[in-house]
């Protein structure tokens, strides 16, 4: 039995996986609010109804940089101590950055959990993963070893290679404005954040939608009384903006168009930095909810608009991950592999 845990800025998901001859089979799953938790060990006990079974290994994906056996989450005042958890539950614990957990799921994704934005031509180079959720995560996927498949490698054939996921904190790199409106937005946010403005400040659920909304309102963009009332002064307003856009609210539609363009621009930046001929995977909880904006223009135009290198971006496959439990799946596969290695 493998226990997989995904700790995000707003929720903690836990799932039990059973190792079978045909692979991993998911069992019981639980969800908890991150801020309301007493401790992770308490959540694990609740997941099992108070009585811990024999567990072969625990994989924990955390939204923050993993260095050693302890990690502090970026957007929540939480510290995870792998050794303390291991001692409490009697099983080895493996810490992963949440985007690393996403990445280790890629070779195991079902075709119907991938939506193609750009077909491209998959090569043998690295792939990249970018995921906007509460924050903005980025990672690089590298395959080692020989593959029996031809040069048109797919996520399935990549399973025959050994996958290494290189996590990063690229979402906290400095925001690079593209248009004049982006430049004005950057100036607005420099005042709000007293200097440094990261990509996560404009492409994330926790503050990206709020920042775009406040900037547009300052510029005189109208908003309906119903939308203003629903948003109040909350930071995380993504769900409300997405709903309002689906109902034809002009400011919400403008925000999703702009958000998608910026999202695509940073995805293209990431792809260029490693020449990601292996493809671009768009994960996180936001992308599946705004698919029309990703498929019909602003995301892909932002992705490809790279001057002399737009031709390179046009050749790279781009797919959205719609598997809702991708981080749990990846952490489980990573943990199962570690358990096999340390038998």
C-alpha atoms as a PDB file:
ATOM      1  CA  UNK A   1       0.000   0.000   0.000  1.00  0.00           C
ATOM      2  CA  UNK A   2       1.284   3.448  -1.023  1.00  0.00           C
ATOM      3  CA  UNK A   3      -0.004   6.686   0.464  1.00  0.00           C
ATOM      4  CA  UNK A   4       0.052   9.757  -1.779  1.00  0.00           C
ATOM      5  CA  UNK A   5      -0.468  13.293  -0.471  1.00  0.00           C
ATOM      6  CA  UNK A   6      -0.795  16.583  -2.349  1.00  0.00           C
ATOM      7  CA  UNK A   7      -0.439  19.683  -0.150  1.00  0.00           C
ATOM      8  CA  UNK A   8      -1.478  22.862  -1.893  1.00  0.00           C
ATOM      9  CA  UNK A   9      -2.165  26.392  -0.807  1.00  0.00           C
ATOM     10  CA  UNK A  10      -5.872  25.754  -0.252  1.00  0.00           C
ATOM     11  CA  UNK A  11      -6.405  21.992   0.104  1.00  0.00           C
ATOM     12  CA  UNK A  12      -4.736  18.752   1.080  1.00  0.00           C
ATOM     13  CA  UNK A  13      -5.619  15.655  -0.951  1.00  0.00           C
ATOM     14  CA  UNK A  14      -4.751  12.155   0.263  1.00  0.00           C
ATOM     15  CA  UNK A  15      -5.161   8.900  -1.660  1.00  0.00           C
ATOM     16  CA  UNK A  16      -4.310   5.274  -1.025  1.00  0.00           C
ATOM     17  CA  UNK A  17      -2.789   3.333  -3.937  1.00  0.00           C
ATOM     18  CA  UNK A  18      -2.350  -0.421  -4.104  1.00  0.00           C
ATOM     19  CA  UNK A  19       0.613  -1.850  -6.006  1.00  0.00           C
ATOM     20  CA  UNK A  20      -0.565  -4.612  -8.370  1.00  0.00           C
ATOM     21  CA  UNK A  21       1.073  -6.608 -11.169  1.00  0.00           C
ATOM     22  CA  UNK A  22      -0.627  -4.321 -13.686  1.00  0.00           C
ATOM     23  CA  UNK A  23       0.424  -1.096 -11.959  1.00  0.00           C
ATOM     24  CA  UNK A  24      -1.065   1.169  -9.327  1.00  0.00           C
ATOM     25  CA  UNK A  25      -4.739   0.950  -8.416  1.00  0.00           C
ATOM     26  CA  UNK A  26      -6.243   3.884  -6.551  1.00  0.00           C
ATOM     27  CA  UNK A  27      -8.267   3.185  -3.430  1.00  0.00           C
ATOM     28  CA  UNK A  28      -9.730   5.492  -0.793  1.00  0.00           C
ATOM     29  CA  UNK A  29      -9.229   9.272  -1.146  1.00  0.00           C
ATOM     30  CA  UNK A  30      -9.832  12.235   1.177  1.00  0.00           C
ATOM     31  CA  UNK A  31      -9.707  16.020   0.957  1.00  0.00           C
ATOM     32  CA  UNK A  32      -9.101  18.596   3.684  1.00  0.00           C
ATOM     33  CA  UNK A  33      -8.803  22.382   3.878  1.00  0.00           C
ATOM     34  CA  UNK A  34      -5.147  23.269   4.388  1.00  0.00           C
ATOM     35  CA  UNK A  35      -5.752  26.196   6.734  1.00  0.00           C
ATOM     36  CA  UNK A  36      -8.109  24.204   8.983  1.00  0.00           C
ATOM     37  CA  UNK A  37      -5.733  21.308   9.601  1.00  0.00           C
ATOM     38  CA  UNK A  38      -4.360  20.460  13.035  1.00  0.00           C
ATOM     39  CA  UNK A  39      -1.441  18.513  11.541  1.00  0.00           C
ATOM     40  CA  UNK A  40      -0.656  16.331   8.561  1.00  0.00           C
ATOM     41  CA  UNK A  41      -0.382  13.246  10.768  1.00  0.00           C
ATOM     42  CA  UNK A  42      -3.875  13.974  12.103  1.00  0.00           C
ATOM     43  CA  UNK A  43      -5.161  14.166   8.507  1.00  0.00           C
ATOM     44  CA  UNK A  44      -3.553  10.812   7.694  1.00  0.00           C
ATOM     45  CA  UNK A  45      -5.210   9.271  10.743  1.00  0.00           C
ATOM     46  CA  UNK A  46      -8.563  10.707   9.675  1.00  0.00           C
ATOM     47  CA  UNK A  47      -8.042   9.349   6.158  1.00  0.00           C
ATOM     48  CA  UNK A  48      -7.778   5.843   7.613  1.00  0.00           C
ATOM     49  CA  UNK A  49     -10.568   6.299  10.133  1.00  0.00           C
ATOM     50  CA  UNK A  50      -8.229   6.527  13.110  1.00  0.00           C
ATOM     51  CA  UNK A  51      -6.390   3.212  12.676  1.00  0.00           C
ATOM     52  CA  UNK A  52      -3.205   3.210  10.605  1.00  0.00           C
ATOM     53  CA  UNK A  53      -2.619   0.143   8.403  1.00  0.00           C
ATOM     54  CA  UNK A  54       0.769  -1.076   7.186  1.00  0.00           C
ATOM     55  CA  UNK A  55       2.064   1.443   4.655  1.00  0.00           C
ATOM     56  CA  UNK A  56       5.034   0.729   2.373  1.00  0.00           C
ATOM     57  CA  UNK A  57       5.786   4.352   1.585  1.00  0.00           C
ATOM     58  CA  UNK A  58       4.387   7.873   1.608  1.00  0.00           C
ATOM     59  CA  UNK A  59       4.904  10.418  -1.155  1.00  0.00           C
ATOM     60  CA  UNK A  60       4.153  14.046  -0.288  1.00  0.00           C
ATOM     61  CA  UNK A  61       3.974  16.740  -2.937  1.00  0.00           C
ATOM     62  CA  UNK A  62       4.319  20.193  -1.380  1.00  0.00           C
ATOM     63  CA  UNK A  63       3.855  23.659  -2.853  1.00  0.00           C
ATOM     64  CA  UNK A  64       7.292  24.992  -2.011  1.00  0.00           C
ATOM     65  CA  UNK A  65      11.021  24.395  -2.550  1.00  0.00           C
ATOM     66  CA  UNK A  66      12.154  21.026  -1.176  1.00  0.00           C
ATOM     67  CA  UNK A  67      15.618  21.072   0.363  1.00  0.00           C
ATOM     68  CA  UNK A  68      16.395  18.172   2.629  1.00  0.00           C
ATOM     69  CA  UNK A  69      13.798  16.566   4.888  1.00  0.00           C
ATOM     70  CA  UNK A  70      11.939  19.684   5.933  1.00  0.00           C
ATOM     71  CA  UNK A  71      10.008  22.120   3.793  1.00  0.00           C
ATOM     72  CA  UNK A  72       8.030  25.272   4.399  1.00  0.00           C
ATOM     73  CA  UNK A  73       5.113  25.962   2.078  1.00  0.00           C
ATOM     74  CA  UNK A  74       5.254  29.156   0.044  1.00  0.00           C
ATOM     75  CA  UNK A  75       1.656  30.359   0.364  1.00  0.00           C
ATOM     76  CA  UNK A  76       0.680  28.757   3.707  1.00  0.00           C
ATOM     77  CA  UNK A  77       2.374  29.003   7.098  1.00  0.00           C
ATOM     78  CA  UNK A  78       3.107  25.291   7.260  1.00  0.00           C
ATOM     79  CA  UNK A  79       6.303  23.318   7.787  1.00  0.00           C
ATOM     80  CA  UNK A  80       6.476  19.657   6.807  1.00  0.00           C
ATOM     81  CA  UNK A  81       9.006  17.443   8.638  1.00  0.00           C
ATOM     82  CA  UNK A  82       9.381  14.163   6.732  1.00  0.00           C
ATOM     83  CA  UNK A  83      11.309  12.389   9.502  1.00  0.00           C
ATOM     84  CA  UNK A  84       8.716  13.279  12.150  1.00  0.00           C
ATOM     85  CA  UNK A  85       5.897  12.042   9.912  1.00  0.00           C
ATOM     86  CA  UNK A  86       7.808   8.860   9.102  1.00  0.00           C
ATOM     87  CA  UNK A  87       8.299   8.125  12.790  1.00  0.00           C
ATOM     88  CA  UNK A  88       4.628   8.792  13.585  1.00  0.00           C
ATOM     89  CA  UNK A  89       3.200   6.486  10.912  1.00  0.00           C
ATOM     90  CA  UNK A  90       5.963   3.891  10.650  1.00  0.00           C
ATOM     91  CA  UNK A  91       6.742   4.235   6.948  1.00  0.00           C
ATOM     92  CA  UNK A  92       9.379   5.928   4.773  1.00  0.00           C
ATOM     93  CA  UNK A  93       8.355   9.390   3.609  1.00  0.00           C
ATOM     94  CA  UNK A  94       9.467  11.012   0.348  1.00  0.00           C
ATOM     95  CA  UNK A  95       9.110  14.765  -0.132  1.00  0.00           C
ATOM     96  CA  UNK A  96       8.526  16.203  -3.592  1.00  0.00           C
ATOM     97  CA  UNK A  97       7.918  19.654  -4.918  1.00  0.00           C
ATOM     98  CA  UNK A  98       4.296  19.737  -6.092  1.00  0.00           C
ATOM     99  CA  UNK A  99       5.335  20.297  -9.724  1.00  0.00           C
ATOM    100  CA  UNK A 100       7.722  17.353  -9.487  1.00  0.00           C
ATOM    101  CA  UNK A 101       4.740  15.279  -8.366  1.00  0.00           C
ATOM    102  CA  UNK A 102       2.797  16.543 -11.396  1.00  0.00           C
ATOM    103  CA  UNK A 103       5.708  15.685 -13.647  1.00  0.00           C
ATOM    104  CA  UNK A 104       6.078  12.079 -12.513  1.00  0.00           C
ATOM    105  CA  UNK A 105       2.455  11.510 -13.535  1.00  0.00           C
ATOM    106  CA  UNK A 106       3.015  12.553 -17.155  1.00  0.00           C
ATOM    107  CA  UNK A 107       4.034   9.118 -18.534  1.00  0.00           C
ATOM    108  CA  UNK A 108       0.979   7.584 -16.866  1.00  0.00           C
ATOM    109  CA  UNK A 109      -1.719   9.993 -18.059  1.00  0.00           C
ATOM    110  CA  UNK A 110      -4.601   8.527 -20.033  1.00  0.00           C
ATOM    111  CA  UNK A 111      -5.051  10.062 -23.510  1.00  0.00           C
ATOM    112  CA  UNK A 112      -8.457  11.437 -22.522  1.00  0.00           C
ATOM    113  CA  UNK A 113      -6.779  13.453 -19.753  1.00  0.00           C
ATOM    114  CA  UNK A 114      -4.720  15.466 -22.253  1.00  0.00           C
ATOM    115  CA  UNK A 115      -6.201  18.234 -24.414  1.00  0.00           C
ATOM    116  CA  UNK A 116      -4.010  19.266 -27.340  1.00  0.00           C
ATOM    117  CA  UNK A 117      -3.610  22.995 -27.958  1.00  0.00           C
ATOM    118  CA  UNK A 118      -0.893  22.576 -30.569  1.00  0.00           C
ATOM    119  CA  UNK A 119       0.009  19.319 -32.294  1.00  0.00           C
ATOM    120  CA  UNK A 120       3.602  20.186 -33.105  1.00  0.00           C
ATOM    121  CA  UNK A 121       6.160  17.415 -33.603  1.00  0.00           C
ATOM    122  CA  UNK A 122       7.434  15.756 -30.456  1.00  0.00           C
ATOM    123  CA  UNK A 123      11.218  15.370 -30.333  1.00  0.00           C
ATOM    124  CA  UNK A 124      13.697  13.732 -27.987  1.00  0.00           C
ATOM    125  CA  UNK A 125      14.519  16.850 -25.987  1.00  0.00           C
ATOM    126  CA  UNK A 126      13.241  17.779 -22.544  1.00  0.00           C
ATOM    127  CA  UNK A 127       9.631  18.667 -21.841  1.00  0.00           C
ATOM    128  CA  UNK A 128       8.376  21.385 -19.529  1.00  0.00           C
ATOM    129  CA  UNK A 129       5.455  21.660 -17.176  1.00  0.00           C
ATOM    130  CA  UNK A 130       3.787  24.891 -16.114  1.00  0.00           C
ATOM    131  CA  UNK A 131       0.846  24.962 -13.733  1.00  0.00           C
ATOM    132  CA  UNK A 132      -1.193  27.854 -12.426  1.00  0.00           C
ATOM    133  CA  UNK A 133      -3.232  27.027  -9.351  1.00  0.00           C
ATOM    134  CA  UNK A 134      -3.022  28.850  -6.045  1.00  0.00           C
ATOM    135  CA  UNK A 135       0.483  29.811  -7.173  1.00  0.00           C
ATOM    136  CA  UNK A 136       2.489  29.315 -10.363  1.00  0.00           C
ATOM    137  CA  UNK A 137       4.701  26.241 -10.628  1.00  0.00           C
ATOM    138  CA  UNK A 138       7.235  25.282 -13.267  1.00  0.00           C
ATOM    139  CA  UNK A 139       9.371  22.191 -13.876  1.00  0.00           C
ATOM    140  CA  UNK A 140      11.532  20.496 -16.512  1.00  0.00           C
ATOM    141  CA  UNK A 141      11.078  16.836 -17.482  1.00  0.00           C
ATOM    142  CA  UNK A 142      14.080  14.872 -18.756  1.00  0.00           C
ATOM    143  CA  UNK A 143      14.094  11.255 -19.931  1.00  0.00           C
ATOM    144  CA  UNK A 144      17.208   9.086 -19.663  1.00  0.00           C
ATOM    145  CA  UNK A 145      18.016   5.855 -21.481  1.00  0.00           C
ATOM    146  CA  UNK A 146      16.990   4.346 -24.782  1.00  0.00           C
ATOM    147  CA  UNK A 147      13.423   4.207 -26.022  1.00  0.00           C
ATOM    148  CA  UNK A 148      12.230   1.514 -28.369  1.00  0.00           C
ATOM    149  CA  UNK A 149       9.870   3.972 -30.018  1.00  0.00           C
ATOM    150  CA  UNK A 150      10.828   6.119 -32.975  1.00  0.00           C
ATOM    151  CA  UNK A 151      11.509   9.841 -32.905  1.00  0.00           C
ATOM    152  CA  UNK A 152       7.820  10.651 -32.508  1.00  0.00           C
ATOM    153  CA  UNK A 153       7.904   9.854 -28.788  1.00  0.00           C
ATOM    154  CA  UNK A 154       4.651  10.159 -26.861  1.00  0.00           C
ATOM    155  CA  UNK A 155       3.929  10.354 -23.140  1.00  0.00           C
ATOM    156  CA  UNK A 156       3.133   6.631 -23.207  1.00  0.00           C
ATOM    157  CA  UNK A 157       6.353   5.557 -24.926  1.00  0.00           C
ATOM    158  CA  UNK A 158       8.293   7.814 -22.548  1.00  0.00           C
ATOM    159  CA  UNK A 159       7.302   5.393 -19.809  1.00  0.00           C
ATOM    160  CA  UNK A 160       9.998   3.051 -21.191  1.00  0.00           C
ATOM    161  CA  UNK A 161      12.633   5.550 -20.169  1.00  0.00           C
ATOM    162  CA  UNK A 162      13.644   6.722 -16.716  1.00  0.00           C
ATOM    163  CA  UNK A 163      12.033  10.078 -16.036  1.00  0.00           C
ATOM    164  CA  UNK A 164      13.713  12.746 -13.959  1.00  0.00           C
ATOM    165  CA  UNK A 165      11.740  15.844 -13.009  1.00  0.00           C
ATOM    166  CA  UNK A 166      13.728  18.978 -12.250  1.00  0.00           C
ATOM    167  CA  UNK A 167      11.569  21.278 -10.114  1.00  0.00           C
ATOM    168  CA  UNK A 168      12.100  25.017 -10.131  1.00  0.00           C
ATOM    169  CA  UNK A 169      10.797  28.161  -8.516  1.00  0.00           C
ATOM    170  CA  UNK A 170      10.497  29.883 -11.880  1.00  0.00           C
ATOM    171  CA  UNK A 171       7.064  31.233 -10.998  1.00  0.00           C
ATOM    172  CA  UNK A 172       8.830  33.647  -8.660  1.00  0.00           C
ATOM    173  CA  UNK A 173      11.154  34.954 -11.382  1.00  0.00           C
ATOM    174  CA  UNK A 174      10.664  38.581 -12.393  1.00  0.00           C
ATOM    175  CA  UNK A 175       7.572  39.284 -14.489  1.00  0.00           C
ATOM    176  CA  UNK A 176       8.482  40.251 -18.052  1.00  0.00           C
ATOM    177  CA  UNK A 177       5.913  42.628 -19.596  1.00  0.00           C
ATOM    178  CA  UNK A 178       5.187  42.087 -23.284  1.00  0.00           C
ATOM    179  CA  UNK A 179       2.671  44.761 -24.272  1.00  0.00           C
ATOM    180  CA  UNK A 180       2.195  48.397 -23.248  1.00  0.00           C
ATOM    181  CA  UNK A 181      -0.687  47.287 -21.027  1.00  0.00           C
ATOM    182  CA  UNK A 182       1.648  44.755 -19.395  1.00  0.00           C
ATOM    183  CA  UNK A 183       4.166  47.527 -18.725  1.00  0.00           C
ATOM    184  CA  UNK A 184       1.508  49.653 -17.063  1.00  0.00           C
ATOM    185  CA  UNK A 185       0.386  46.641 -15.030  1.00  0.00           C
ATOM    186  CA  UNK A 186       3.973  46.043 -13.898  1.00  0.00           C
ATOM    187  CA  UNK A 187       4.223  49.639 -12.671  1.00  0.00           C
ATOM    188  CA  UNK A 188       0.941  49.299 -10.781  1.00  0.00           C
ATOM    189  CA  UNK A 189       2.118  46.094  -9.114  1.00  0.00           C
ATOM    190  CA  UNK A 190       5.563  47.449  -8.267  1.00  0.00           C
ATOM    191  CA  UNK A 191       3.826  49.966  -6.041  1.00  0.00           C
ATOM    192  CA  UNK A 192       1.538  47.291  -4.575  1.00  0.00           C
ATOM    193  CA  UNK A 193       4.403  44.914  -3.763  1.00  0.00           C
ATOM    194  CA  UNK A 194       7.062  47.508  -2.978  1.00  0.00           C
ATOM    195  CA  UNK A 195       9.357  46.573  -5.843  1.00  0.00           C
ATOM    196  CA  UNK A 196       9.683  43.053  -7.174  1.00  0.00           C
ATOM    197  CA  UNK A 197       6.827  41.640  -9.262  1.00  0.00           C
ATOM    198  CA  UNK A 198       6.968  37.935 -10.098  1.00  0.00           C
ATOM    199  CA  UNK A 199       5.101  35.940 -12.733  1.00  0.00           C
ATOM    200  CA  UNK A 200       3.043  34.418  -9.930  1.00  0.00           C
ATOM    201  CA  UNK A 201       1.634  37.876  -9.159  1.00  0.00           C
ATOM    202  CA  UNK A 202      -0.094  37.922 -12.547  1.00  0.00           C
ATOM    203  CA  UNK A 203      -0.597  34.222 -13.386  1.00  0.00           C
ATOM    204  CA  UNK A 204      -2.072  32.494 -10.334  1.00  0.00           C
ATOM    205  CA  UNK A 205      -5.351  31.959  -8.554  1.00  0.00           C
ATOM    206  CA  UNK A 206      -4.279  33.451  -5.256  1.00  0.00           C
ATOM    207  CA  UNK A 207      -3.512  36.926  -6.563  1.00  0.00           C
ATOM    208  CA  UNK A 208      -3.290  37.001 -10.378  1.00  0.00           C
ATOM    209  CA  UNK A 209      -6.990  37.543 -11.065  1.00  0.00           C
ATOM    210  CA  UNK A 210      -7.262  40.035  -8.206  1.00  0.00           C
ATOM    211  CA  UNK A 211      -4.332  42.077  -9.493  1.00  0.00           C
ATOM    212  CA  UNK A 212      -5.679  42.199 -13.041  1.00  0.00           C
ATOM    213  CA  UNK A 213      -9.129  43.144 -11.759  1.00  0.00           C
ATOM    214  CA  UNK A 214      -7.839  45.938  -9.523  1.00  0.00           C
ATOM    215  CA  UNK A 215      -5.656  47.347 -12.290  1.00  0.00           C
ATOM    216  CA  UNK A 216      -8.523  47.427 -14.785  1.00  0.00           C
ATOM    217  CA  UNK A 217     -10.838  49.003 -12.228  1.00  0.00           C
ATOM    218  CA  UNK A 218      -8.259  51.709 -11.525  1.00  0.00           C
ATOM    219  CA  UNK A 219      -8.202  52.402 -15.269  1.00  0.00           C
ATOM    220  CA  UNK A 220     -11.977  52.924 -15.240  1.00  0.00           C
ATOM    221  CA  UNK A 221     -13.167  49.522 -16.468  1.00  0.00           C
ATOM    222  CA  UNK A 222     -16.801  49.084 -15.329  1.00  0.00           C
ATOM    223  CA  UNK A 223     -17.997  46.079 -13.338  1.00  0.00           C
ATOM    224  CA  UNK A 224     -21.545  45.071 -12.490  1.00  0.00           C
ATOM    225  CA  UNK A 225     -22.818  45.606  -8.920  1.00  0.00           C
ATOM    226  CA  UNK A 226     -23.391  41.851  -8.636  1.00  0.00           C
ATOM    227  CA  UNK A 227     -19.755  41.090  -9.458  1.00  0.00           C
ATOM    228  CA  UNK A 228     -18.445  43.760  -7.094  1.00  0.00           C
ATOM    229  CA  UNK A 229     -20.578  42.367  -4.299  1.00  0.00           C
ATOM    230  CA  UNK A 230     -19.453  38.785  -4.911  1.00  0.00           C
ATOM    231  CA  UNK A 231     -15.757  39.713  -4.989  1.00  0.00           C
ATOM    232  CA  UNK A 232     -15.731  41.967  -1.942  1.00  0.00           C
ATOM    233  CA  UNK A 233     -12.061  42.447  -0.952  1.00  0.00           C
ATOM    234  CA  UNK A 234     -10.948  38.799  -1.192  1.00  0.00           C
ATOM    235  CA  UNK A 235      -7.592  37.975  -2.789  1.00  0.00           C
ATOM    236  CA  UNK A 236      -8.544  34.673  -4.433  1.00  0.00           C
ATOM    237  CA  UNK A 237     -11.332  35.643  -6.828  1.00  0.00           C
ATOM    238  CA  UNK A 238     -10.536  33.312  -9.730  1.00  0.00           C
ATOM    239  CA  UNK A 239     -13.668  31.171  -9.443  1.00  0.00           C
ATOM    240  CA  UNK A 240     -15.889  34.277  -9.411  1.00  0.00           C
ATOM    241  CA  UNK A 241     -14.127  35.782 -12.438  1.00  0.00           C
ATOM    242  CA  UNK A 242     -14.430  32.540 -14.413  1.00  0.00           C
ATOM    243  CA  UNK A 243     -18.127  32.287 -13.579  1.00  0.00           C
ATOM    244  CA  UNK A 244     -18.734  35.935 -14.421  1.00  0.00           C
ATOM    245  CA  UNK A 245     -16.966  35.532 -17.779  1.00  0.00           C
ATOM    246  CA  UNK A 246     -19.187  32.560 -18.634  1.00  0.00           C
ATOM    247  CA  UNK A 247     -22.186  34.816 -17.940  1.00  0.00           C
ATOM    248  CA  UNK A 248     -20.926  37.544 -20.289  1.00  0.00           C
ATOM    249  CA  UNK A 249     -19.454  40.039 -17.779  1.00  0.00           C
ATOM    250  CA  UNK A 250     -17.139  42.207 -19.967  1.00  0.00           C
ATOM    251  CA  UNK A 251     -14.457  42.904 -17.351  1.00  0.00           C
ATOM    252  CA  UNK A 252     -14.259  39.200 -16.476  1.00  0.00           C
ATOM    253  CA  UNK A 253     -13.911  38.239 -20.143  1.00  0.00           C
ATOM    254  CA  UNK A 254     -11.163  40.820 -20.537  1.00  0.00           C
ATOM    255  CA  UNK A 255      -9.345  39.439 -17.470  1.00  0.00           C
ATOM    256  CA  UNK A 256      -9.455  35.849 -18.744  1.00  0.00           C
ATOM    257  CA  UNK A 257      -8.199  36.925 -22.165  1.00  0.00           C
ATOM    258  CA  UNK A 258      -5.309  38.861 -20.607  1.00  0.00           C
ATOM    259  CA  UNK A 259      -4.568  36.155 -18.024  1.00  0.00           C
ATOM    260  CA  UNK A 260      -4.439  33.501 -20.765  1.00  0.00           C
ATOM    261  CA  UNK A 261      -2.107  35.592 -22.918  1.00  0.00           C
ATOM    262  CA  UNK A 262       0.290  36.101 -20.000  1.00  0.00           C
ATOM    263  CA  UNK A 263       0.074  32.414 -19.104  1.00  0.00           C
ATOM    264  CA  UNK A 264       0.985  31.479 -22.666  1.00  0.00           C
ATOM    265  CA  UNK A 265       3.815  34.007 -22.769  1.00  0.00           C
ATOM    266  CA  UNK A 266       5.492  32.505 -19.706  1.00  0.00           C
ATOM    267  CA  UNK A 267       4.895  28.961 -21.001  1.00  0.00           C
ATOM    268  CA  UNK A 268       6.706  29.991 -24.174  1.00  0.00           C
ATOM    269  CA  UNK A 269       9.538  31.516 -22.154  1.00  0.00           C
ATOM    270  CA  UNK A 270       9.966  28.263 -20.259  1.00  0.00           C
ATOM    271  CA  UNK A 271       9.898  26.212 -23.468  1.00  0.00           C
ATOM    272  CA  UNK A 272      12.570  28.406 -25.066  1.00  0.00           C
ATOM    273  CA  UNK A 273      14.904  28.246 -22.079  1.00  0.00           C
ATOM    274  CA  UNK A 274      15.357  24.481 -22.371  1.00  0.00           C
ATOM    275  CA  UNK A 275      14.344  24.033 -26.048  1.00  0.00           C
ATOM    276  CA  UNK A 276      11.441  21.829 -24.949  1.00  0.00           C
ATOM    277  CA  UNK A 277      11.046  19.711 -28.068  1.00  0.00           C
ATOM    278  CA  UNK A 278       9.602  17.006 -25.786  1.00  0.00           C
ATOM    279  CA  UNK A 279       6.524  19.174 -25.365  1.00  0.00           C
ATOM    280  CA  UNK A 280       4.817  21.597 -23.036  1.00  0.00           C
ATOM    281  CA  UNK A 281       2.335  20.339 -20.452  1.00  0.00           C
ATOM    282  CA  UNK A 282      -0.051  22.826 -18.859  1.00  0.00           C
ATOM    283  CA  UNK A 283      -1.223  21.619 -15.458  1.00  0.00           C
ATOM    284  CA  UNK A 284      -2.844  23.118 -12.384  1.00  0.00           C
ATOM    285  CA  UNK A 285      -6.460  23.649 -11.481  1.00  0.00           C
ATOM    286  CA  UNK A 286      -7.114  26.759 -13.572  1.00  0.00           C
ATOM    287  CA  UNK A 287      -6.337  25.539 -17.108  1.00  0.00           C
ATOM    288  CA  UNK A 288      -9.169  22.962 -17.382  1.00  0.00           C
ATOM    289  CA  UNK A 289     -11.651  25.630 -16.278  1.00  0.00           C
ATOM    290  CA  UNK A 290     -10.619  28.174 -18.928  1.00  0.00           C
ATOM    291  CA  UNK A 291     -10.021  25.823 -21.866  1.00  0.00           C
ATOM    292  CA  UNK A 292     -11.879  28.004 -24.420  1.00  0.00           C
ATOM    293  CA  UNK A 293      -9.421  30.848 -23.724  1.00  0.00           C
ATOM    294  CA  UNK A 294      -6.478  28.467 -24.052  1.00  0.00           C
ATOM    295  CA  UNK A 295      -7.720  26.836 -27.254  1.00  0.00           C
ATOM    296  CA  UNK A 296      -9.070  29.820 -29.138  1.00  0.00           C
ATOM    297  CA  UNK A 297      -6.339  32.416 -29.260  1.00  0.00           C
ATOM    298  CA  UNK A 298      -4.769  34.335 -26.391  1.00  0.00           C
ATOM    299  CA  UNK A 299      -2.775  31.539 -24.758  1.00  0.00           C
ATOM    300  CA  UNK A 300      -1.219  30.217 -27.945  1.00  0.00           C
ATOM    301  CA  UNK A 301      -0.577  33.674 -29.387  1.00  0.00           C
ATOM    302  CA  UNK A 302       1.282  34.564 -26.192  1.00  0.00           C
ATOM    303  CA  UNK A 303       3.140  31.258 -26.376  1.00  0.00           C
ATOM    304  CA  UNK A 304       4.297  31.663 -29.993  1.00  0.00           C
ATOM    305  CA  UNK A 305       5.027  35.402 -30.034  1.00  0.00           C
ATOM    306  CA  UNK A 306       8.806  35.151 -29.600  1.00  0.00           C
ATOM    307  CA  UNK A 307      10.128  37.195 -32.507  1.00  0.00           C
ATOM    308  CA  UNK A 308      12.852  35.376 -34.420  1.00  0.00           C
ATOM    309  CA  UNK A 309      12.067  32.114 -32.615  1.00  0.00           C
ATOM    310  CA  UNK A 310       8.327  31.945 -33.185  1.00  0.00           C
ATOM    311  CA  UNK A 311       8.997  29.186 -35.755  1.00  0.00           C
ATOM    312  CA  UNK A 312      10.549  27.018 -33.027  1.00  0.00           C
ATOM    313  CA  UNK A 313       7.581  27.502 -30.707  1.00  0.00           C
ATOM    314  CA  UNK A 314       5.202  26.554 -33.522  1.00  0.00           C
ATOM    315  CA  UNK A 315       6.811  23.088 -33.691  1.00  0.00           C
ATOM    316  CA  UNK A 316       6.481  22.225 -29.980  1.00  0.00           C
ATOM    317  CA  UNK A 317       3.490  20.125 -28.847  1.00  0.00           C
ATOM    318  CA  UNK A 318       1.354  21.823 -26.195  1.00  0.00           C
ATOM    319  CA  UNK A 319      -1.163  19.891 -24.098  1.00  0.00           C
ATOM    320  CA  UNK A 320      -3.382  20.699 -21.119  1.00  0.00           C
ATOM    321  CA  UNK A 321      -3.561  18.115 -18.332  1.00  0.00           C
ATOM    322  CA  UNK A 322      -7.162  17.587 -17.235  1.00  0.00           C
ATOM    323  CA  UNK A 323      -6.554  14.689 -14.810  1.00  0.00           C
ATOM    324  CA  UNK A 324      -7.876  16.157 -11.518  1.00  0.00           C
ATOM    325  CA  UNK A 325      -5.597  14.023  -9.319  1.00  0.00           C
ATOM    326  CA  UNK A 326      -2.400  14.413 -11.328  1.00  0.00           C
ATOM    327  CA  UNK A 327      -0.195  15.325  -8.331  1.00  0.00           C
ATOM    328  CA  UNK A 328      -1.465  12.350  -6.322  1.00  0.00           C
ATOM    329  CA  UNK A 329      -0.854  10.039  -9.278  1.00  0.00           C
ATOM    330  CA  UNK A 330       2.688  11.330  -9.778  1.00  0.00           C
ATOM    331  CA  UNK A 331       3.627  11.189  -6.099  1.00  0.00           C
ATOM    332  CA  UNK A 332       2.301   7.626  -5.937  1.00  0.00           C
ATOM    333  CA  UNK A 333       4.346   6.463  -8.932  1.00  0.00           C
ATOM    334  CA  UNK A 334       7.466   8.171  -7.607  1.00  0.00           C
ATOM    335  CA  UNK A 335       6.997   6.577  -4.187  1.00  0.00           C
ATOM    336  CA  UNK A 336       6.360   3.117  -5.639  1.00  0.00           C
ATOM    337  CA  UNK A 337       9.597   3.422  -7.612  1.00  0.00           C
ATOM    338  CA  UNK A 338      11.523   4.426  -4.472  1.00  0.00           C
ATOM    339  CA  UNK A 339      10.054   1.535  -2.500  1.00  0.00           C
ATOM    340  CA  UNK A 340      11.132  -0.911  -5.225  1.00  0.00           C
ATOM    341  CA  UNK A 341      14.653   0.533  -5.207  1.00  0.00           C
ATOM    342  CA  UNK A 342      14.997   0.182  -1.426  1.00  0.00           C
ATOM    343  CA  UNK A 343      13.591  -3.318  -0.988  1.00  0.00           C
END
